[in-house]
């Protein structure tokens, strides 16, 4: 599994209805994308759910790097680039993935928590703890799915989870889920990725 996210931070007075309309118009285009496990079309609105910004920030869990590269370099990614500019794209290597207790429910909210991997920690138990946290999140009431991944260039850990309700049982940035494309969700490997 490979995780990826880019964000477009928009002006405070930006009409977020434009983002909703855009996702309603194009969100279905990745519903059958080869190599994609899950794409969540995410939005934060300034002043709602603790967000200091207006932001559009899709989050992906890829089954294959080929599928990701096909999206990035095959033309599909050019649409957001043309509309909003070319963003910095974060990428993380998968640590763990679990289906949640509410796996069959529609995802209403996403929670993303990024944190540094502290200097001096022993990596094996730290990463095992991150995988265990993924299982704990997935076991919470209302969890649709949970994942953890790490960027070994910046040593950043990300926990990502989807929720059927707006009161996730963890800390992090809360996003509204506007659409979920999940053509390869069943193929995402469960549990620890090593």
N, C-alpha and C. Protein backbone atom coordinates (compact mmCIF):
# COMPACT_ATOMS: atom_id res chain seq x y z
N UNK A 1 0.85 -1.18 0.00
CA UNK A 1 0.00 0.00 0.00
C UNK A 1 0.89 1.24 0.00
N UNK A 2 0.41 2.25 -0.70
CA UNK A 2 1.12 3.52 -0.79
C UNK A 2 0.09 4.63 -0.56
N UNK A 3 0.39 5.58 0.32
CA UNK A 3 -0.53 6.68 0.61
C UNK A 3 -0.03 7.95 -0.05
N UNK A 4 -0.98 8.82 -0.42
CA UNK A 4 -0.63 10.05 -1.12
C UNK A 4 -1.68 11.11 -0.79
N UNK A 5 -1.24 12.35 -0.64
CA UNK A 5 -2.17 13.46 -0.45
C UNK A 5 -1.56 14.75 -0.98
N UNK A 6 -2.41 15.55 -1.58
CA UNK A 6 -2.06 16.93 -1.93
C UNK A 6 -3.20 17.81 -1.43
N UNK A 7 -2.87 19.07 -1.17
CA UNK A 7 -3.85 20.00 -0.61
C UNK A 7 -3.80 21.31 -1.37
N UNK A 8 -4.98 21.89 -1.56
CA UNK A 8 -5.10 23.23 -2.10
C UNK A 8 -5.73 24.08 -1.01
N UNK A 9 -4.95 24.99 -0.42
CA UNK A 9 -5.48 25.91 0.58
C UNK A 9 -6.02 27.12 -0.15
N UNK A 10 -7.28 27.44 0.13
CA UNK A 10 -8.03 28.46 -0.61
C UNK A 10 -8.25 29.70 0.25
N UNK A 11 -8.54 30.83 -0.37
CA UNK A 11 -8.76 32.06 0.41
C UNK A 11 -9.90 31.91 1.41
N UNK A 12 -9.85 32.69 2.48
CA UNK A 12 -10.86 32.62 3.54
C UNK A 12 -12.26 32.90 3.01
N UNK A 13 -12.40 33.73 2.01
CA UNK A 13 -13.72 34.07 1.48
C UNK A 13 -14.14 33.18 0.30
N UNK A 14 -13.34 32.16 0.00
CA UNK A 14 -13.62 31.28 -1.14
C UNK A 14 -14.96 30.56 -0.96
N UNK A 15 -15.74 30.47 -2.00
CA UNK A 15 -17.03 29.77 -1.98
C UNK A 15 -16.77 28.27 -2.08
N UNK A 16 -16.88 27.55 -0.95
CA UNK A 16 -16.58 26.12 -0.93
C UNK A 16 -17.64 25.31 -1.69
N UNK A 17 -18.73 25.95 -2.07
CA UNK A 17 -19.70 25.31 -2.94
C UNK A 17 -19.08 24.95 -4.29
N UNK A 18 -18.06 25.70 -4.71
CA UNK A 18 -17.34 25.41 -5.95
C UNK A 18 -16.67 24.03 -5.84
N UNK A 19 -16.08 23.74 -4.69
CA UNK A 19 -15.43 22.44 -4.48
C UNK A 19 -16.48 21.33 -4.47
N UNK A 20 -17.57 21.55 -3.77
CA UNK A 20 -18.64 20.55 -3.74
C UNK A 20 -19.15 20.25 -5.15
N UNK A 21 -19.37 21.29 -5.94
CA UNK A 21 -19.84 21.11 -7.32
C UNK A 21 -18.82 20.38 -8.17
N UNK A 22 -17.55 20.74 -7.99
CA UNK A 22 -16.49 20.09 -8.76
C UNK A 22 -16.46 18.60 -8.47
N UNK A 23 -16.49 18.23 -7.18
CA UNK A 23 -16.44 16.82 -6.81
C UNK A 23 -17.69 16.09 -7.31
N UNK A 24 -18.85 16.72 -7.23
CA UNK A 24 -20.08 16.11 -7.74
C UNK A 24 -19.97 15.85 -9.24
N UNK A 25 -19.25 16.72 -9.95
CA UNK A 25 -19.10 16.60 -11.40
C UNK A 25 -18.06 15.56 -11.81
N UNK A 26 -16.93 15.49 -11.07
CA UNK A 26 -15.81 14.64 -11.53
C UNK A 26 -15.46 13.50 -10.59
N UNK A 27 -16.05 13.44 -9.40
CA UNK A 27 -15.65 12.43 -8.42
C UNK A 27 -15.76 11.01 -8.90
N UNK A 28 -16.76 10.74 -9.71
CA UNK A 28 -16.98 9.36 -10.19
C UNK A 28 -15.89 8.88 -11.15
N UNK A 29 -15.08 9.76 -11.68
CA UNK A 29 -14.11 9.40 -12.71
C UNK A 29 -13.06 8.40 -12.22
N UNK A 30 -12.82 8.31 -10.92
CA UNK A 30 -11.85 7.36 -10.39
C UNK A 30 -12.52 6.14 -9.75
N UNK A 31 -13.84 6.01 -9.89
CA UNK A 31 -14.55 4.90 -9.27
C UNK A 31 -14.10 3.54 -9.80
N UNK A 32 -13.47 3.50 -10.96
CA UNK A 32 -12.98 2.24 -11.51
C UNK A 32 -11.50 2.24 -11.83
N UNK A 33 -10.73 3.15 -11.23
CA UNK A 33 -9.31 3.34 -11.58
C UNK A 33 -8.47 2.13 -11.17
N UNK A 34 -7.76 1.56 -12.14
CA UNK A 34 -6.92 0.39 -11.89
C UNK A 34 -5.75 0.75 -10.97
N UNK A 35 -5.57 -0.02 -9.92
CA UNK A 35 -4.47 0.19 -8.98
C UNK A 35 -4.82 1.07 -7.79
N UNK A 36 -6.02 1.68 -7.81
CA UNK A 36 -6.45 2.53 -6.71
C UNK A 36 -7.20 1.70 -5.68
N UNK A 37 -6.76 1.79 -4.43
CA UNK A 37 -7.52 1.17 -3.35
C UNK A 37 -8.67 2.07 -2.96
N UNK A 38 -8.33 3.30 -2.49
CA UNK A 38 -9.33 4.25 -2.02
C UNK A 38 -8.86 5.67 -2.34
N UNK A 39 -9.78 6.49 -2.87
CA UNK A 39 -9.55 7.93 -2.95
C UNK A 39 -10.69 8.60 -2.20
N UNK A 40 -10.34 9.45 -1.25
CA UNK A 40 -11.34 10.24 -0.54
C UNK A 40 -11.19 11.69 -0.98
N UNK A 41 -12.29 12.24 -1.46
CA UNK A 41 -12.34 13.64 -1.86
C UNK A 41 -12.67 14.43 -0.59
N UNK A 42 -11.69 15.12 -0.07
CA UNK A 42 -11.80 15.75 1.25
C UNK A 42 -11.81 17.27 1.17
N UNK A 43 -12.54 17.87 2.13
CA UNK A 43 -12.63 19.32 2.20
C UNK A 43 -12.66 19.75 3.66
N UNK A 44 -11.96 20.85 3.94
CA UNK A 44 -12.08 21.52 5.25
C UNK A 44 -12.60 22.93 5.00
N UNK A 45 -13.48 23.37 5.90
CA UNK A 45 -14.01 24.73 5.79
C UNK A 45 -13.58 25.53 7.01
N UNK A 46 -13.10 26.71 6.76
CA UNK A 46 -12.64 27.60 7.83
C UNK A 46 -13.76 27.81 8.85
N UNK A 47 -13.43 27.56 10.13
CA UNK A 47 -14.38 27.77 11.21
C UNK A 47 -15.29 26.59 11.50
N UNK A 48 -15.17 25.50 10.71
CA UNK A 48 -15.98 24.30 10.96
C UNK A 48 -15.08 23.16 11.38
N UNK A 49 -15.48 22.44 12.40
CA UNK A 49 -14.73 21.29 12.92
C UNK A 49 -13.29 21.65 13.24
N UNK A 50 -13.09 22.87 13.72
CA UNK A 50 -11.77 23.31 14.16
C UNK A 50 -10.81 23.70 13.05
N UNK A 51 -11.27 23.80 11.82
CA UNK A 51 -10.36 24.12 10.72
C UNK A 51 -10.04 25.62 10.67
N UNK A 52 -8.75 25.96 10.58
CA UNK A 52 -8.37 27.37 10.43
C UNK A 52 -8.38 27.83 8.97
N UNK A 53 -8.62 26.89 8.02
CA UNK A 53 -8.49 27.20 6.60
C UNK A 53 -9.62 26.57 5.79
N UNK A 54 -9.80 27.11 4.58
CA UNK A 54 -10.57 26.45 3.53
C UNK A 54 -9.58 25.61 2.73
N UNK A 55 -9.90 24.35 2.53
CA UNK A 55 -8.92 23.48 1.89
C UNK A 55 -9.61 22.33 1.18
N UNK A 56 -9.08 22.00 0.02
CA UNK A 56 -9.46 20.79 -0.72
C UNK A 56 -8.24 19.89 -0.68
N UNK A 57 -8.37 18.67 -0.15
CA UNK A 57 -7.20 17.82 0.06
C UNK A 57 -7.46 16.35 -0.12
N UNK A 58 -7.61 15.84 -1.36
CA UNK A 58 -7.84 14.42 -1.58
C UNK A 58 -6.74 13.55 -0.97
N UNK A 59 -7.15 12.40 -0.43
CA UNK A 59 -6.22 11.44 0.18
C UNK A 59 -6.43 10.10 -0.51
N UNK A 60 -5.32 9.44 -0.86
CA UNK A 60 -5.34 8.20 -1.63
C UNK A 60 -4.63 7.07 -0.88
N UNK A 61 -5.15 5.87 -1.02
CA UNK A 61 -4.45 4.65 -0.66
C UNK A 61 -4.36 3.82 -1.94
N UNK A 62 -3.14 3.65 -2.44
CA UNK A 62 -2.91 2.96 -3.71
C UNK A 62 -2.53 1.51 -3.46
N UNK A 63 -3.04 0.63 -4.31
CA UNK A 63 -2.61 -0.77 -4.31
C UNK A 63 -1.34 -0.95 -5.11
N UNK A 64 -1.17 -0.12 -6.15
CA UNK A 64 0.01 -0.25 -7.00
C UNK A 64 0.61 1.12 -7.30
N UNK A 65 1.91 1.17 -7.40
CA UNK A 65 2.60 2.39 -7.81
C UNK A 65 2.27 2.69 -9.27
N UNK A 66 2.07 1.65 -10.07
CA UNK A 66 1.71 1.84 -11.47
C UNK A 66 0.38 2.60 -11.58
N UNK A 67 -0.60 2.24 -10.76
CA UNK A 67 -1.88 2.95 -10.77
C UNK A 67 -1.71 4.41 -10.39
N UNK A 68 -0.88 4.66 -9.35
CA UNK A 68 -0.60 6.03 -8.92
C UNK A 68 0.08 6.81 -10.04
N UNK A 69 1.09 6.22 -10.65
CA UNK A 69 1.81 6.90 -11.72
C UNK A 69 0.91 7.15 -12.93
N UNK A 70 0.02 6.22 -13.22
CA UNK A 70 -0.92 6.40 -14.31
C UNK A 70 -1.83 7.59 -14.05
N UNK A 71 -2.25 7.76 -12.79
CA UNK A 71 -3.06 8.93 -12.42
C UNK A 71 -2.25 10.22 -12.56
N UNK A 72 -1.03 10.23 -12.00
CA UNK A 72 -0.22 11.44 -12.00
C UNK A 72 0.28 11.84 -13.38
N UNK A 73 0.74 10.86 -14.17
CA UNK A 73 1.42 11.17 -15.43
C UNK A 73 0.59 10.83 -16.66
N UNK A 74 -0.59 10.22 -16.47
CA UNK A 74 -1.41 9.82 -17.61
C UNK A 74 -2.46 10.84 -18.01
N UNK A 75 -2.53 11.98 -17.33
CA UNK A 75 -3.44 13.05 -17.73
C UNK A 75 -4.51 13.39 -16.72
N UNK A 76 -4.93 12.45 -15.87
CA UNK A 76 -6.04 12.71 -14.94
C UNK A 76 -5.70 13.81 -13.92
N UNK A 77 -4.46 13.86 -13.47
CA UNK A 77 -4.04 14.83 -12.47
C UNK A 77 -3.96 16.25 -13.04
N UNK A 78 -3.92 16.37 -14.37
CA UNK A 78 -3.81 17.68 -14.99
C UNK A 78 -5.02 18.56 -14.69
N UNK A 79 -6.20 17.93 -14.48
CA UNK A 79 -7.41 18.71 -14.17
C UNK A 79 -7.26 19.56 -12.92
N UNK A 80 -6.90 18.94 -11.76
CA UNK A 80 -6.70 19.78 -10.58
C UNK A 80 -5.55 20.78 -10.73
N UNK A 81 -4.50 20.39 -11.44
CA UNK A 81 -3.38 21.31 -11.67
C UNK A 81 -3.85 22.52 -12.46
N UNK A 82 -4.66 22.29 -13.50
CA UNK A 82 -5.17 23.40 -14.31
C UNK A 82 -6.09 24.31 -13.49
N UNK A 83 -6.89 23.71 -12.60
CA UNK A 83 -7.86 24.49 -11.82
C UNK A 83 -7.25 25.24 -10.64
N UNK A 84 -6.24 24.63 -9.99
CA UNK A 84 -5.73 25.19 -8.73
C UNK A 84 -4.22 25.44 -8.69
N UNK A 85 -3.48 24.97 -9.68
CA UNK A 85 -2.02 25.06 -9.66
C UNK A 85 -1.42 23.73 -9.24
N UNK A 86 -0.12 23.58 -9.47
CA UNK A 86 0.55 22.32 -9.17
C UNK A 86 0.94 22.27 -7.69
N UNK A 87 0.36 21.32 -6.94
CA UNK A 87 0.64 21.24 -5.50
C UNK A 87 1.86 20.37 -5.19
N UNK A 88 2.35 20.53 -4.00
CA UNK A 88 3.32 19.60 -3.45
C UNK A 88 2.55 18.34 -3.07
N UNK A 89 3.05 17.17 -3.43
CA UNK A 89 2.35 15.91 -3.15
C UNK A 89 3.13 15.14 -2.09
N UNK A 90 2.46 14.84 -0.99
CA UNK A 90 3.06 14.01 0.06
C UNK A 90 2.82 12.55 -0.30
N UNK A 91 3.85 11.73 -0.03
CA UNK A 91 3.73 10.30 -0.25
C UNK A 91 4.31 9.56 0.94
N UNK A 92 3.62 8.50 1.33
CA UNK A 92 4.03 7.69 2.47
C UNK A 92 3.96 6.22 2.10
N UNK A 93 4.86 5.43 2.65
CA UNK A 93 4.85 3.98 2.48
C UNK A 93 3.94 3.38 3.54
N UNK A 94 3.09 2.45 3.11
CA UNK A 94 2.10 1.86 3.99
C UNK A 94 2.68 1.07 5.15
N UNK A 95 2.11 1.26 6.34
CA UNK A 95 2.46 0.49 7.53
C UNK A 95 1.36 -0.50 7.91
N UNK A 96 0.08 -0.04 7.81
CA UNK A 96 -1.03 -0.90 8.22
C UNK A 96 -2.33 -0.38 7.63
N UNK A 97 -3.27 -1.30 7.44
CA UNK A 97 -4.61 -0.96 6.99
C UNK A 97 -5.60 -1.91 7.64
N UNK A 98 -6.72 -1.35 8.10
CA UNK A 98 -7.78 -2.16 8.70
C UNK A 98 -9.14 -1.61 8.30
N UNK A 99 -10.07 -2.51 8.04
CA UNK A 99 -11.46 -2.12 7.86
C UNK A 99 -12.02 -1.82 9.25
N UNK A 100 -12.96 -0.88 9.33
CA UNK A 100 -13.51 -0.47 10.61
C UNK A 100 -14.78 -1.20 10.99
N UNK A 101 -15.26 -0.92 12.18
CA UNK A 101 -16.49 -1.53 12.68
C UNK A 101 -17.70 -1.09 11.86
N UNK A 102 -17.60 0.06 11.17
CA UNK A 102 -18.68 0.56 10.33
C UNK A 102 -18.28 0.50 8.86
N UNK A 103 -17.56 -0.54 8.47
CA UNK A 103 -17.01 -0.65 7.12
C UNK A 103 -18.07 -0.54 6.03
N UNK A 104 -19.28 -0.98 6.28
CA UNK A 104 -20.33 -0.91 5.27
C UNK A 104 -21.05 0.41 5.21
N UNK A 105 -20.73 1.34 6.10
CA UNK A 105 -21.40 2.64 6.15
C UNK A 105 -20.72 3.65 5.23
N UNK A 106 -21.48 4.64 4.77
CA UNK A 106 -20.81 5.71 4.02
C UNK A 106 -19.91 6.54 4.93
N UNK A 107 -18.79 6.97 4.39
CA UNK A 107 -17.85 7.81 5.15
C UNK A 107 -18.32 9.26 5.09
N UNK A 108 -18.50 9.88 6.24
CA UNK A 108 -18.91 11.28 6.31
C UNK A 108 -17.73 12.19 6.63
N UNK A 109 -16.80 11.70 7.45
CA UNK A 109 -15.66 12.51 7.88
C UNK A 109 -14.38 11.69 7.81
N UNK A 110 -13.27 12.40 7.64
CA UNK A 110 -11.93 11.80 7.66
C UNK A 110 -11.12 12.50 8.74
N UNK A 111 -10.22 11.76 9.31
CA UNK A 111 -9.30 12.31 10.31
C UNK A 111 -7.89 11.98 9.86
N UNK A 112 -7.04 13.02 9.80
CA UNK A 112 -5.64 12.84 9.43
C UNK A 112 -4.77 13.43 10.52
N UNK A 113 -3.86 12.59 11.03
CA UNK A 113 -2.92 13.08 12.04
C UNK A 113 -1.51 12.79 11.54
N UNK A 114 -0.74 13.85 11.36
CA UNK A 114 0.67 13.71 10.97
C UNK A 114 1.53 14.00 12.18
N UNK A 115 2.60 13.23 12.34
CA UNK A 115 3.51 13.45 13.46
C UNK A 115 4.91 13.01 13.06
N UNK A 116 5.92 13.65 13.60
CA UNK A 116 7.29 13.22 13.31
C UNK A 116 7.59 11.91 14.02
N UNK A 117 8.45 11.11 13.39
CA UNK A 117 9.02 9.94 14.06
C UNK A 117 10.19 10.50 14.88
N UNK A 118 10.10 10.43 16.21
CA UNK A 118 11.12 11.08 17.03
C UNK A 118 12.53 10.53 16.78
N UNK A 119 13.51 11.41 16.82
CA UNK A 119 14.91 10.99 16.76
C UNK A 119 15.21 10.07 17.94
N UNK A 120 16.00 9.08 17.69
CA UNK A 120 16.48 8.22 18.77
C UNK A 120 15.56 7.06 19.14
N UNK A 121 14.32 7.01 18.56
CA UNK A 121 13.45 5.88 18.90
C UNK A 121 13.92 4.64 18.17
N UNK A 122 13.66 3.49 18.76
CA UNK A 122 13.91 2.23 18.08
C UNK A 122 12.78 2.02 17.08
N UNK A 123 13.12 1.92 15.80
CA UNK A 123 12.12 1.96 14.73
C UNK A 123 11.13 0.80 14.77
N UNK A 124 11.61 -0.42 15.00
CA UNK A 124 10.71 -1.58 14.94
C UNK A 124 9.55 -1.46 15.92
N UNK A 125 9.79 -1.21 17.20
CA UNK A 125 8.64 -1.10 18.11
C UNK A 125 7.79 0.15 17.86
N UNK A 126 8.41 1.23 17.39
CA UNK A 126 7.64 2.44 17.11
C UNK A 126 6.65 2.18 15.98
N UNK A 127 7.11 1.55 14.90
CA UNK A 127 6.24 1.26 13.76
C UNK A 127 5.20 0.20 14.13
N UNK A 128 5.58 -0.75 14.95
CA UNK A 128 4.60 -1.74 15.42
C UNK A 128 3.51 -1.05 16.23
N UNK A 129 3.88 -0.06 17.02
CA UNK A 129 2.89 0.71 17.77
C UNK A 129 1.96 1.49 16.85
N UNK A 130 2.50 2.02 15.75
CA UNK A 130 1.67 2.73 14.77
C UNK A 130 0.67 1.77 14.12
N UNK A 131 1.12 0.55 13.83
CA UNK A 131 0.21 -0.46 13.27
C UNK A 131 -0.86 -0.83 14.29
N UNK A 132 -0.48 -0.97 15.55
CA UNK A 132 -1.46 -1.27 16.60
C UNK A 132 -2.49 -0.16 16.73
N UNK A 133 -2.06 1.10 16.62
CA UNK A 133 -2.97 2.24 16.69
C UNK A 133 -3.99 2.19 15.56
N UNK A 134 -3.56 1.71 14.40
CA UNK A 134 -4.48 1.55 13.27
C UNK A 134 -5.60 0.59 13.63
N UNK A 135 -5.23 -0.53 14.25
CA UNK A 135 -6.24 -1.49 14.69
C UNK A 135 -7.16 -0.92 15.76
N UNK A 136 -6.60 -0.12 16.67
CA UNK A 136 -7.41 0.49 17.72
C UNK A 136 -8.43 1.46 17.12
N UNK A 137 -7.98 2.29 16.18
CA UNK A 137 -8.89 3.23 15.52
C UNK A 137 -10.00 2.49 14.78
N UNK A 138 -9.63 1.45 14.06
CA UNK A 138 -10.63 0.69 13.28
C UNK A 138 -11.67 0.03 14.18
N UNK A 139 -11.31 -0.26 15.42
CA UNK A 139 -12.23 -0.92 16.35
C UNK A 139 -13.19 0.05 17.04
N UNK A 140 -12.98 1.35 16.86
CA UNK A 140 -13.86 2.35 17.49
C UNK A 140 -15.22 2.38 16.80
N UNK A 141 -16.23 2.75 17.56
CA UNK A 141 -17.58 2.89 17.03
C UNK A 141 -17.62 3.94 15.93
N UNK A 142 -18.14 3.59 14.78
CA UNK A 142 -18.27 4.53 13.68
C UNK A 142 -17.09 4.57 12.73
N UNK A 143 -16.02 3.82 13.00
CA UNK A 143 -14.86 3.82 12.11
C UNK A 143 -15.19 3.04 10.84
N UNK A 144 -14.91 3.63 9.69
CA UNK A 144 -15.13 2.97 8.41
C UNK A 144 -13.86 2.24 7.99
N UNK A 145 -12.71 2.88 8.15
CA UNK A 145 -11.41 2.25 7.90
C UNK A 145 -10.34 3.07 8.59
N UNK A 146 -9.15 2.47 8.72
CA UNK A 146 -8.00 3.18 9.31
C UNK A 146 -6.73 2.70 8.62
N UNK A 147 -5.78 3.62 8.48
CA UNK A 147 -4.50 3.29 7.85
C UNK A 147 -3.39 4.09 8.52
N UNK A 148 -2.18 3.58 8.40
CA UNK A 148 -0.99 4.29 8.86
C UNK A 148 0.09 4.12 7.80
N UNK A 149 0.89 5.17 7.63
CA UNK A 149 1.97 5.14 6.65
C UNK A 149 3.07 6.08 7.11
N UNK A 150 4.27 5.92 6.53
CA UNK A 150 5.41 6.71 6.95
C UNK A 150 6.18 7.22 5.74
N UNK A 151 6.64 8.46 5.82
CA UNK A 151 7.53 9.04 4.83
C UNK A 151 8.94 8.92 5.41
N UNK A 152 9.76 8.07 4.81
CA UNK A 152 11.11 7.85 5.35
C UNK A 152 12.11 8.92 4.90
N UNK A 153 11.69 9.87 4.07
CA UNK A 153 12.55 10.98 3.73
C UNK A 153 12.49 12.04 4.83
N UNK A 154 11.26 12.35 5.26
CA UNK A 154 11.07 13.37 6.31
C UNK A 154 10.84 12.73 7.68
N UNK A 155 10.72 11.41 7.74
CA UNK A 155 10.39 10.67 8.96
C UNK A 155 9.12 11.23 9.59
N UNK A 156 8.07 11.24 8.75
CA UNK A 156 6.75 11.66 9.20
C UNK A 156 5.80 10.46 9.15
N UNK A 157 5.07 10.27 10.22
CA UNK A 157 4.05 9.23 10.33
C UNK A 157 2.70 9.87 10.11
N UNK A 158 1.84 9.22 9.33
CA UNK A 158 0.48 9.70 9.16
C UNK A 158 -0.49 8.59 9.54
N UNK A 159 -1.49 8.96 10.34
CA UNK A 159 -2.63 8.09 10.63
C UNK A 159 -3.81 8.70 9.88
N UNK A 160 -4.52 7.86 9.14
CA UNK A 160 -5.67 8.31 8.37
C UNK A 160 -6.84 7.39 8.66
N UNK A 161 -8.00 7.97 8.93
CA UNK A 161 -9.18 7.16 9.20
C UNK A 161 -10.43 7.83 8.65
N UNK A 162 -11.40 7.00 8.29
CA UNK A 162 -12.70 7.48 7.82
C UNK A 162 -13.75 7.11 8.85
N UNK A 163 -14.76 7.99 9.00
CA UNK A 163 -15.76 7.84 10.04
C UNK A 163 -17.16 8.06 9.49
N UNK A 164 -18.10 7.32 10.02
CA UNK A 164 -19.50 7.46 9.63
C UNK A 164 -20.16 8.63 10.35
N UNK A 165 -19.50 9.21 11.32
CA UNK A 165 -20.04 10.34 12.10
C UNK A 165 -18.94 11.37 12.33
N UNK A 166 -19.31 12.52 12.89
CA UNK A 166 -18.35 13.62 13.01
C UNK A 166 -17.65 13.70 14.36
N UNK A 167 -17.66 12.64 15.13
CA UNK A 167 -16.97 12.66 16.43
C UNK A 167 -15.93 11.54 16.48
N UNK A 168 -14.90 11.62 15.64
CA UNK A 168 -13.86 10.58 15.65
C UNK A 168 -13.20 10.47 17.02
N UNK A 169 -12.72 9.28 17.33
CA UNK A 169 -12.12 9.01 18.64
C UNK A 169 -10.59 9.15 18.59
N UNK A 170 -10.11 10.22 17.97
CA UNK A 170 -8.67 10.46 17.89
C UNK A 170 -8.46 11.94 17.57
N UNK A 171 -7.21 12.38 17.69
CA UNK A 171 -6.86 13.76 17.40
C UNK A 171 -6.36 13.87 15.96
N UNK A 172 -6.54 15.06 15.40
CA UNK A 172 -6.03 15.32 14.06
C UNK A 172 -6.89 16.31 13.32
N UNK A 173 -6.57 16.52 12.05
CA UNK A 173 -7.32 17.42 11.19
C UNK A 173 -8.58 16.70 10.71
N UNK A 174 -9.74 17.33 10.88
CA UNK A 174 -11.02 16.75 10.47
C UNK A 174 -11.41 17.30 9.11
N UNK A 175 -11.74 16.40 8.20
CA UNK A 175 -12.18 16.75 6.85
C UNK A 175 -13.58 16.20 6.61
N UNK A 176 -14.36 16.88 5.80
CA UNK A 176 -15.62 16.34 5.31
C UNK A 176 -15.30 15.47 4.10
N UNK A 177 -15.95 14.33 4.00
CA UNK A 177 -15.79 13.45 2.84
C UNK A 177 -16.89 13.79 1.85
N UNK A 178 -16.49 14.25 0.66
CA UNK A 178 -17.45 14.62 -0.37
C UNK A 178 -17.77 13.46 -1.30
N UNK A 179 -16.82 12.56 -1.49
CA UNK A 179 -17.01 11.39 -2.35
C UNK A 179 -15.94 10.37 -1.99
N UNK A 180 -16.25 9.11 -2.17
CA UNK A 180 -15.29 8.04 -1.94
C UNK A 180 -15.26 7.15 -3.17
N UNK A 181 -14.10 7.06 -3.80
CA UNK A 181 -13.87 6.10 -4.88
C UNK A 181 -13.07 4.96 -4.28
N UNK A 182 -13.55 3.74 -4.42
CA UNK A 182 -12.89 2.60 -3.76
C UNK A 182 -12.85 1.36 -4.64
N UNK A 183 -12.30 1.48 -5.86
CA UNK A 183 -12.34 0.33 -6.77
C UNK A 183 -11.51 -0.86 -6.31
N UNK A 184 -10.43 -0.62 -5.55
CA UNK A 184 -9.57 -1.70 -5.10
C UNK A 184 -9.49 -1.81 -3.59
N UNK A 185 -10.51 -1.34 -2.91
CA UNK A 185 -10.51 -1.37 -1.43
C UNK A 185 -10.37 -2.80 -0.91
N UNK A 186 -11.06 -3.73 -1.54
CA UNK A 186 -10.99 -5.12 -1.09
C UNK A 186 -9.61 -5.73 -1.28
N UNK A 187 -8.80 -5.16 -2.17
CA UNK A 187 -7.46 -5.69 -2.43
C UNK A 187 -6.39 -5.07 -1.54
N UNK A 188 -6.73 -4.01 -0.77
CA UNK A 188 -5.74 -3.44 0.13
C UNK A 188 -5.38 -4.48 1.18
N UNK A 189 -4.10 -4.74 1.39
CA UNK A 189 -3.70 -5.76 2.37
C UNK A 189 -4.04 -5.32 3.80
N UNK A 190 -4.65 -6.23 4.55
CA UNK A 190 -5.06 -5.95 5.92
C UNK A 190 -3.89 -6.15 6.89
N UNK A 191 -3.96 -5.42 7.99
CA UNK A 191 -2.97 -5.58 9.05
C UNK A 191 -1.65 -4.91 8.71
N UNK A 192 -0.60 -5.34 9.41
CA UNK A 192 0.75 -4.80 9.20
C UNK A 192 1.22 -5.10 7.80
N UNK A 193 1.99 -4.17 7.24
CA UNK A 193 2.47 -4.32 5.87
C UNK A 193 3.91 -4.87 5.81
N UNK A 194 4.34 -5.48 6.89
CA UNK A 194 5.66 -6.14 6.89
C UNK A 194 5.61 -7.36 7.75
